[in-house]
Amino acid sequence: MESVKGKVYRPALGLMFDDKVITAFSNLWRCLGNADFSTAVMDVLEAVCPTDSCGVLVFYRQRKPLSLLHRLPCGS
């Protein structure tokens, strides 16, 4: 396992359902249909695989992408 900027990136052949992942998925289901859904999706991704940043974009065929939400590292 390699540490990058204080985070541990662990290779896995399957998804480990530890307490952090279970809590994130539970919150995701609670947020279905709410404004907090996008943030809950990013929480699940962070619980499964630590990220440096995360974002939600809409891609169009004839226009540039639309950025809906970004989460940057603390202190940025």
N, C-alpha and C. Protein backbone atom coordinates (compact mmCIF):
# COMPACT_ATOMS: atom_id res chain seq x y z
N MET A 1 0.84 -1.18 0.00
CA MET A 1 0.00 0.00 0.00
C MET A 1 0.88 1.24 0.00
N GLU A 2 0.42 2.22 -0.73
CA GLU A 2 1.19 3.43 -0.92
C GLU A 2 0.45 4.61 -0.31
N SER A 3 1.17 5.45 0.40
CA SER A 3 0.57 6.63 0.99
C SER A 3 0.82 7.84 0.08
N VAL A 4 -0.24 8.53 -0.27
CA VAL A 4 -0.14 9.72 -1.10
C VAL A 4 -0.85 10.86 -0.38
N LYS A 5 -0.10 11.89 -0.04
CA LYS A 5 -0.66 13.06 0.66
C LYS A 5 -1.45 12.64 1.90
N GLY A 6 -0.92 11.68 2.66
CA GLY A 6 -1.56 11.27 3.89
C GLY A 6 -2.70 10.29 3.74
N LYS A 7 -3.03 9.89 2.51
CA LYS A 7 -4.10 8.92 2.28
C LYS A 7 -3.50 7.59 1.85
N VAL A 8 -4.12 6.52 2.25
CA VAL A 8 -3.63 5.20 1.89
C VAL A 8 -4.49 4.65 0.75
N TYR A 9 -3.84 4.39 -0.36
CA TYR A 9 -4.53 3.82 -1.52
C TYR A 9 -4.30 2.31 -1.49
N ARG A 10 -5.33 1.55 -1.22
CA ARG A 10 -5.19 0.10 -1.08
C ARG A 10 -5.80 -0.60 -2.29
N PRO A 11 -5.01 -1.46 -2.92
CA PRO A 11 -5.58 -2.22 -4.03
C PRO A 11 -6.56 -3.26 -3.49
N ALA A 12 -7.62 -3.50 -4.22
CA ALA A 12 -8.61 -4.48 -3.77
C ALA A 12 -9.22 -5.18 -4.98
N LEU A 13 -9.44 -6.46 -4.84
CA LEU A 13 -10.11 -7.23 -5.89
C LEU A 13 -11.62 -7.17 -5.73
N GLY A 14 -12.07 -6.74 -4.57
CA GLY A 14 -13.50 -6.63 -4.30
C GLY A 14 -13.74 -5.44 -3.38
N LEU A 15 -14.98 -5.12 -3.17
CA LEU A 15 -15.34 -4.00 -2.32
C LEU A 15 -15.44 -4.46 -0.88
N MET A 16 -14.66 -3.85 -0.01
CA MET A 16 -14.68 -4.20 1.41
C MET A 16 -15.75 -3.36 2.11
N PHE A 17 -16.77 -3.99 2.63
CA PHE A 17 -17.85 -3.28 3.30
C PHE A 17 -17.53 -3.10 4.78
N ASP A 18 -16.64 -2.15 5.07
CA ASP A 18 -16.35 -1.83 6.46
C ASP A 18 -17.38 -0.79 6.93
N ASP A 19 -17.25 -0.35 8.17
CA ASP A 19 -18.23 0.58 8.73
C ASP A 19 -18.32 1.89 7.94
N LYS A 20 -17.18 2.38 7.45
CA LYS A 20 -17.17 3.64 6.71
C LYS A 20 -17.96 3.51 5.40
N VAL A 21 -17.78 2.41 4.69
CA VAL A 21 -18.49 2.19 3.41
C VAL A 21 -19.98 1.97 3.66
N ILE A 22 -20.31 1.19 4.66
CA ILE A 22 -21.72 0.92 4.98
C ILE A 22 -22.44 2.21 5.36
N THR A 23 -21.79 3.05 6.16
CA THR A 23 -22.39 4.32 6.56
C THR A 23 -22.59 5.23 5.35
N ALA A 24 -21.61 5.26 4.46
CA ALA A 24 -21.71 6.11 3.27
C ALA A 24 -22.85 5.64 2.36
N PHE A 25 -22.95 4.31 2.15
CA PHE A 25 -24.04 3.78 1.32
C PHE A 25 -25.41 4.02 1.96
N SER A 26 -25.50 3.87 3.28
CA SER A 26 -26.78 4.12 3.97
C SER A 26 -27.21 5.57 3.79
N ASN A 27 -26.25 6.48 3.91
CA ASN A 27 -26.56 7.89 3.73
C ASN A 27 -26.96 8.17 2.28
N LEU A 28 -26.33 7.49 1.33
CA LEU A 28 -26.68 7.66 -0.08
C LEU A 28 -28.14 7.30 -0.32
N TRP A 29 -28.58 6.17 0.24
CA TRP A 29 -29.98 5.76 0.06
C TRP A 29 -30.93 6.76 0.69
N ARG A 30 -30.53 7.34 1.84
CA ARG A 30 -31.38 8.33 2.50
C ARG A 30 -31.49 9.62 1.68
N CYS A 31 -30.46 9.91 0.88
CA CYS A 31 -30.42 11.16 0.11
C CYS A 31 -31.05 11.05 -1.28
N LEU A 32 -31.54 9.88 -1.65
CA LEU A 32 -32.17 9.74 -2.97
C LEU A 32 -33.29 10.75 -3.12
N GLY A 33 -33.26 11.52 -4.20
CA GLY A 33 -34.29 12.51 -4.47
C GLY A 33 -34.09 13.82 -3.75
N ASN A 34 -33.02 13.96 -2.98
CA ASN A 34 -32.75 15.20 -2.24
C ASN A 34 -31.60 15.96 -2.88
N ALA A 35 -31.44 17.20 -2.46
CA ALA A 35 -30.36 18.04 -2.98
C ALA A 35 -28.98 17.53 -2.54
N ASP A 36 -28.91 16.76 -1.47
CA ASP A 36 -27.63 16.26 -0.95
C ASP A 36 -27.16 14.99 -1.65
N PHE A 37 -27.87 14.52 -2.66
CA PHE A 37 -27.53 13.25 -3.31
C PHE A 37 -26.13 13.28 -3.92
N SER A 38 -25.77 14.35 -4.63
CA SER A 38 -24.45 14.42 -5.27
C SER A 38 -23.32 14.36 -4.24
N THR A 39 -23.50 15.03 -3.13
CA THR A 39 -22.50 14.99 -2.06
C THR A 39 -22.41 13.59 -1.47
N ALA A 40 -23.54 12.91 -1.33
CA ALA A 40 -23.55 11.54 -0.80
C ALA A 40 -22.83 10.58 -1.75
N VAL A 41 -22.98 10.79 -3.06
CA VAL A 41 -22.27 9.96 -4.04
C VAL A 41 -20.77 10.14 -3.87
N MET A 42 -20.32 11.38 -3.70
CA MET A 42 -18.89 11.63 -3.49
C MET A 42 -18.40 11.03 -2.18
N ASP A 43 -19.25 11.00 -1.16
CA ASP A 43 -18.89 10.37 0.11
C ASP A 43 -18.67 8.87 -0.07
N VAL A 44 -19.52 8.23 -0.88
CA VAL A 44 -19.36 6.79 -1.17
C VAL A 44 -18.05 6.55 -1.90
N LEU A 45 -17.77 7.36 -2.91
CA LEU A 45 -16.51 7.21 -3.65
C LEU A 45 -15.31 7.39 -2.73
N GLU A 46 -15.36 8.35 -1.84
CA GLU A 46 -14.27 8.59 -0.90
C GLU A 46 -14.12 7.42 0.08
N ALA A 47 -15.24 6.81 0.47
CA ALA A 47 -15.18 5.67 1.40
C ALA A 47 -14.60 4.43 0.71
N VAL A 48 -14.89 4.26 -0.57
CA VAL A 48 -14.42 3.09 -1.31
C VAL A 48 -12.97 3.26 -1.74
N CYS A 49 -12.63 4.44 -2.24
CA CYS A 49 -11.29 4.71 -2.76
C CYS A 49 -10.94 6.15 -2.44
N PRO A 50 -10.03 6.40 -1.53
CA PRO A 50 -9.68 7.77 -1.18
C PRO A 50 -9.32 8.59 -2.42
N THR A 51 -9.84 9.80 -2.48
CA THR A 51 -9.61 10.67 -3.63
C THR A 51 -8.98 11.98 -3.18
N ASP A 52 -8.32 12.63 -4.09
CA ASP A 52 -7.76 13.95 -3.81
C ASP A 52 -8.80 15.03 -4.05
N SER A 53 -9.68 14.80 -5.00
CA SER A 53 -10.78 15.70 -5.29
C SER A 53 -11.84 14.92 -6.06
N CYS A 54 -13.02 15.52 -6.17
CA CYS A 54 -14.11 14.83 -6.84
C CYS A 54 -15.03 15.88 -7.45
N GLY A 55 -15.71 15.51 -8.51
CA GLY A 55 -16.61 16.45 -9.14
C GLY A 55 -17.73 15.77 -9.89
N VAL A 56 -18.79 16.52 -10.10
CA VAL A 56 -19.94 16.04 -10.87
C VAL A 56 -20.10 16.97 -12.06
N LEU A 57 -20.06 16.39 -13.26
CA LEU A 57 -20.17 17.17 -14.49
C LEU A 57 -21.26 16.59 -15.37
N VAL A 58 -21.84 17.46 -16.23
CA VAL A 58 -22.78 17.03 -17.25
C VAL A 58 -22.07 17.22 -18.59
N PHE A 59 -22.04 16.17 -19.40
CA PHE A 59 -21.40 16.24 -20.70
C PHE A 59 -22.45 16.32 -21.80
N TYR A 60 -22.25 17.27 -22.72
CA TYR A 60 -23.13 17.47 -23.85
C TYR A 60 -22.39 17.09 -25.13
N ARG A 61 -23.13 16.83 -26.19
CA ARG A 61 -22.49 16.51 -27.47
C ARG A 61 -21.93 17.75 -28.15
N GLN A 62 -22.65 18.85 -28.09
CA GLN A 62 -22.28 20.04 -28.86
C GLN A 62 -21.81 21.22 -28.01
N ARG A 63 -21.72 21.04 -26.70
CA ARG A 63 -21.28 22.13 -25.82
C ARG A 63 -20.20 21.63 -24.89
N LYS A 64 -19.52 22.57 -24.25
CA LYS A 64 -18.51 22.17 -23.28
C LYS A 64 -19.21 21.64 -22.03
N PRO A 65 -18.52 20.81 -21.22
CA PRO A 65 -19.14 20.23 -20.03
C PRO A 65 -19.60 21.29 -19.02
N LEU A 66 -20.63 20.97 -18.30
CA LEU A 66 -21.16 21.83 -17.25
C LEU A 66 -20.76 21.25 -15.91
N SER A 67 -20.06 22.04 -15.12
CA SER A 67 -19.63 21.59 -13.79
C SER A 67 -20.73 21.88 -12.79
N LEU A 68 -21.25 20.84 -12.15
CA LEU A 68 -22.32 20.98 -11.18
C LEU A 68 -21.80 21.13 -9.76
N LEU A 69 -20.77 20.38 -9.42
CA LEU A 69 -20.29 20.34 -8.04
C LEU A 69 -18.86 19.82 -8.01
N HIS A 70 -18.02 20.44 -7.20
CA HIS A 70 -16.65 19.96 -7.00
C HIS A 70 -16.32 19.95 -5.53
N ARG A 71 -15.58 18.97 -5.12
CA ARG A 71 -15.07 18.90 -3.75
C ARG A 71 -13.54 18.89 -3.87
N LEU A 72 -12.92 19.93 -3.35
CA LEU A 72 -11.48 20.04 -3.40
C LEU A 72 -10.89 19.64 -2.04
N PRO A 73 -9.60 19.28 -2.02
CA PRO A 73 -8.99 18.92 -0.74
C PRO A 73 -9.04 20.07 0.25
N CYS A 74 -9.07 19.76 1.53
CA CYS A 74 -9.07 20.79 2.56
C CYS A 74 -7.82 21.65 2.43
N GLY A 75 -7.97 22.94 2.59
CA GLY A 75 -6.83 23.84 2.51
C GLY A 75 -6.54 24.32 1.12
N SER A 76 -7.39 23.97 0.14
CA SER A 76 -7.16 24.43 -1.25
C SER A 76 -7.82 25.76 -1.48
